[in-house]
Protein backbone atom coordinates (compact mmCIF):
# COMPACT_ATOMS: atom_id res chain seq x y z
CA MET A 1 35.07 27.77 -21.97
CA PRO A 2 31.72 28.88 -23.47
CA ARG A 3 28.86 29.49 -21.07
CA MET A 4 26.08 26.92 -21.10
CA PRO A 5 22.57 27.08 -19.64
CA SER A 6 22.57 25.61 -16.12
CA ALA A 7 20.21 22.80 -17.19
CA VAL A 8 22.71 21.71 -19.85
CA ARG A 9 25.56 21.87 -17.34
CA ARG A 10 23.55 19.82 -14.83
CA ARG A 11 22.92 17.16 -17.46
CA GLN A 12 26.62 17.16 -18.41
CA LEU A 13 27.65 16.74 -14.76
CA THR A 14 25.00 14.09 -14.13
CA GLU A 15 26.20 12.02 -17.09
CA ALA A 16 29.80 12.46 -15.90
CA ALA A 17 28.73 11.28 -12.44
CA ILE A 18 27.08 8.18 -13.92
CA ARG A 19 30.28 7.32 -15.79
CA ALA A 20 32.50 7.94 -12.76
CA MET A 21 30.24 6.08 -10.33
CA THR A 22 29.85 3.14 -12.70
CA ARG A 23 33.63 2.92 -13.05
CA ASP A 24 34.77 3.74 -9.50
CA GLY A 25 31.77 3.07 -7.25
CA VAL A 26 29.62 5.57 -5.38
CA PRO A 27 31.71 5.97 -2.18
CA ARG A 28 34.94 6.57 -4.15
CA THR A 29 33.41 9.12 -6.50
CA THR A 30 33.98 12.67 -5.29
CA THR A 31 32.67 15.99 -6.50
CA ARG A 32 36.21 16.75 -7.66
CA SER A 33 36.41 13.54 -9.72
CA ILE A 34 33.00 14.24 -11.28
CA ALA A 35 34.06 17.76 -12.25
CA ALA A 36 37.25 16.33 -13.79
CA GLU A 37 35.22 13.69 -15.66
CA ALA A 38 32.99 16.45 -17.06
CA GLY A 39 35.98 18.66 -17.90
CA VAL A 40 34.78 21.57 -15.76
CA SER A 41 36.04 23.31 -12.65
CA LEU A 42 34.85 22.36 -9.18
CA SER A 43 33.21 25.77 -8.89
CA VAL A 44 30.98 24.89 -11.87
CA PHE A 45 29.88 21.72 -10.07
CA HIS A 46 28.96 23.66 -6.93
CA TYR A 47 27.13 26.26 -9.03
CA CYS A 48 24.93 23.50 -10.52
CA PHE A 49 24.43 21.30 -7.44
CA ASP A 50 24.04 22.41 -3.84
CA SER A 51 25.00 19.01 -2.43
CA LYS A 52 26.00 15.43 -3.21
CA GLN A 53 22.47 14.47 -2.19
CA GLU A 54 21.05 16.64 -4.97
CA LEU A 55 23.49 15.11 -7.45
CA ILE A 56 22.57 11.54 -6.48
CA GLU A 57 18.89 12.36 -6.92
CA SER A 58 19.69 13.70 -10.39
CA VAL A 59 21.65 10.53 -11.23
CA ILE A 60 18.77 8.28 -10.12
CA THR A 61 16.21 10.33 -12.05
CA THR A 62 18.32 10.47 -15.21
CA ILE A 63 19.00 6.72 -15.28
CA ASN A 64 15.32 5.98 -14.76
CA GLU A 65 14.22 8.43 -17.47
CA ASP A 66 16.63 6.84 -19.94
CA TYR A 67 15.18 3.37 -19.23
CA VAL A 68 11.64 4.68 -19.58
CA ALA A 69 12.37 6.27 -22.96
CA LEU A 70 13.84 2.99 -24.17
CA VAL A 71 10.87 0.86 -23.08
CA ARG A 72 8.25 3.43 -24.12
CA GLU A 73 9.60 3.32 -27.67
CA ALA A 74 9.61 -0.50 -27.64
CA ILE A 75 5.98 -0.89 -26.56
CA ARG A 76 4.42 0.74 -29.54
CA PRO A 77 1.39 -1.45 -30.33
CA ARG A 78 2.23 -4.63 -32.24
CA GLY A 79 0.05 -7.46 -33.52
CA THR A 80 -0.96 -8.65 -30.06
CA LEU A 81 -0.70 -7.47 -26.49
CA ARG A 82 1.69 -10.32 -25.75
CA GLU A 83 4.04 -9.27 -28.58
CA THR A 84 3.97 -5.68 -27.35
CA VAL A 85 4.73 -6.63 -23.73
CA ARG A 86 7.49 -9.01 -24.84
CA ALA A 87 9.10 -6.25 -26.92
CA GLY A 88 9.17 -3.97 -23.87
CA PHE A 89 10.85 -6.60 -21.70
CA GLN A 90 13.33 -7.37 -24.47
CA ALA A 91 14.30 -3.71 -24.89
CA TYR A 92 15.00 -3.43 -21.18
CA TRP A 93 16.88 -6.72 -21.13
CA ASP A 94 19.04 -5.75 -24.09
CA HIS A 95 20.06 -2.65 -22.13
CA VAL A 96 20.95 -4.75 -19.07
CA ASN A 97 23.14 -6.95 -21.27
CA ALA A 98 24.81 -3.99 -22.94
CA HIS A 99 25.30 -1.86 -19.79
CA PRO A 100 25.60 -4.13 -16.74
CA GLY A 101 27.80 -1.62 -14.89
CA GLU A 102 25.12 1.06 -15.06
CA HIS A 103 22.51 -1.36 -13.71
CA MET A 104 24.89 -2.41 -10.94
CA LEU A 105 25.19 1.28 -10.10
CA THR A 106 21.45 1.50 -9.40
CA TYR A 107 21.79 -1.12 -6.64
CA GLU A 108 24.85 0.59 -5.26
CA LEU A 109 22.99 3.90 -5.14
CA THR A 110 20.19 2.23 -3.18
CA GLN A 111 22.59 0.73 -0.63
CA TYR A 112 24.52 3.97 -0.34
CA ALA A 113 21.35 5.99 0.28
CA LEU A 114 20.08 3.52 2.89
CA ARG A 115 23.37 3.57 4.80
CA GLU A 116 24.15 7.28 4.58
CA PRO A 117 22.33 9.35 7.24
CA GLY A 118 20.03 11.88 5.65
CA PHE A 119 20.00 10.12 2.27
CA GLU A 120 17.43 7.41 3.09
CA HIS A 121 14.60 9.22 1.30
CA LEU A 122 16.53 8.93 -1.99
CA ALA A 123 16.30 5.13 -1.87
CA ARG A 124 12.57 5.36 -1.23
CA ARG A 125 12.16 7.87 -4.05
CA GLN A 126 14.15 5.60 -6.37
CA TYR A 127 11.77 2.68 -5.81
CA GLU A 128 8.67 4.85 -5.90
CA MET A 129 9.92 6.08 -9.26
CA TYR A 130 10.17 2.48 -10.51
CA CYS A 131 6.53 1.85 -9.53
CA ASP A 132 5.36 5.15 -11.02
CA THR A 133 7.18 4.29 -14.23
CA TYR A 134 5.43 0.95 -14.59
CA ALA A 135 2.06 2.48 -13.79
CA ASP A 136 2.62 5.06 -16.52
CA LEU A 137 3.69 2.41 -19.05
CA ILE A 138 0.68 0.21 -18.19
CA GLU A 139 -1.66 3.16 -18.67
CA GLN A 140 0.06 3.98 -21.98
CA LEU A 141 -0.58 0.43 -23.16
CA GLY A 142 -4.15 0.59 -21.92
CA ARG A 143 -4.83 3.72 -23.94
CA THR A 144 -3.35 2.33 -27.16
CA MET A 145 -4.44 -1.32 -26.99
CA GLU A 146 -7.61 -0.97 -24.90
CA PHE A 147 -7.69 -3.81 -22.38
CA GLU A 148 -8.92 -4.47 -18.86
CA LEU A 149 -6.71 -5.82 -16.07
CA ARG A 150 -7.47 -8.50 -13.49
CA VAL A 151 -5.54 -6.51 -10.85
CA PRO A 152 -5.36 -2.79 -10.02
CA VAL A 153 -2.68 -0.82 -11.88
CA PRO A 154 -0.73 0.10 -8.69
CA VAL A 155 -0.52 -3.59 -7.72
CA LEU A 156 0.69 -4.68 -11.15
CA ALA A 157 3.14 -1.77 -11.30
CA ARG A 158 4.72 -2.70 -7.97
CA TYR A 159 4.83 -6.37 -8.96
CA LEU A 160 6.60 -5.55 -12.23
CA ALA A 161 9.07 -3.26 -10.45
CA ALA A 162 9.92 -5.97 -7.92
CA MET A 163 10.15 -8.65 -10.60
CA THR A 164 12.48 -6.75 -12.93
CA ASP A 165 14.55 -5.60 -9.96
CA GLY A 166 15.08 -9.19 -8.84
CA LEU A 167 15.73 -10.45 -12.36
CA THR A 168 18.31 -7.76 -13.02
CA LEU A 169 20.20 -8.52 -9.82
CA ASN A 170 20.03 -12.23 -10.64
CA PHE A 171 21.58 -11.53 -14.03
CA LEU A 172 24.33 -9.36 -12.55
CA VAL A 173 25.28 -12.19 -10.19
CA LEU A 174 24.87 -15.21 -12.48
CA GLY A 175 25.57 -13.70 -15.88
CA ASP A 176 23.91 -14.37 -19.20
CA ASP A 177 22.91 -17.80 -20.41
CA ALA A 178 20.34 -19.39 -22.69
CA ALA A 179 17.70 -19.50 -19.95
CA TRP A 180 16.95 -15.77 -20.04
CA ALA A 181 14.90 -15.87 -23.25
CA ASP A 182 12.67 -18.55 -21.72
CA ILE A 183 12.42 -16.58 -18.46
CA LEU A 184 11.32 -13.45 -20.34
CA ASP A 185 8.77 -15.54 -22.27
CA THR A 186 7.42 -16.92 -18.99
CA ILE A 187 7.12 -13.45 -17.47
CA THR A 188 5.42 -12.15 -20.60
CA ASP A 189 2.88 -15.00 -20.51
CA HIS A 190 2.17 -14.30 -16.86
CA VAL A 191 1.68 -10.57 -17.40
CA ALA A 192 -0.50 -11.17 -20.47
CA GLY A 193 -2.57 -13.55 -18.33
CA LEU A 194 -3.39 -10.68 -15.98
CA VAL A 195 -5.38 -9.04 -18.74
CA ARG A 196 -9.07 -9.90 -18.43
CA GLU A 197 -9.86 -9.05 -22.02
CA GLU A 198 -8.95 -6.75 -24.85
CA ILE A 199 -11.76 -4.36 -25.68
CA ARG A 200 -12.52 -4.50 -29.38
CA ARG A 201 -13.88 -1.47 -31.15
C-alpha cells in the first residue's frame, strides 16, 4: 500500500468513520470497523489518531466544514438579501433531504458525547462550532451585501443555530412534506426582518 501524508490518511479515516457511524451507529462503530471501512490496518488508525475522542472531534469538525462549504457557496450575493438568505437555507435543506443519515449522526454524536465520561466537551465544542459558523456566514454576508442588523451577530448566530437544529430534528422525525418550503420561506422572512437596512453605496 503506498504511503500517504498523515493528513490525507486522517481525512480518509474520518470519512470512513462517518460512513460507518451513519450506517451502524456511534456505539457500535469500533476502531477496527473504521479501519476496515477505510481499507487500512488497525495500526494505521492508531498512527493517525491517539484516541476515539480525537476521532470523534475530527468527525464533528469535518461534517461541519462540509456544511459550511455548501452554504458559503450558496450565499453568493443575489438580487436581494432575502433571495441570498433563502438560497443558503435551501442549500442546507437540500443536503438534509439527500443525506438524512448523516444529519441523524450529528445528534447521535451529541448524545454519545454527553453520556460518555470525558467526552462532554466534544458536545459543547460541536454546538459552539455551529454558532461560530453562523457568525462567520453572517459576517460574510455583511461584507458582500452591506447591511446593518437589529440584533448583535452572536445573538443572531445562536438563534440560527438553534432554529436549524430544531428544524432538522423535526424533519428527521416527521419526514418531508409540502410544508417545508413554506417553513423555509417564513424563516427567511423573519431573518430578513432582522436587518435594519441595507447600506447603499
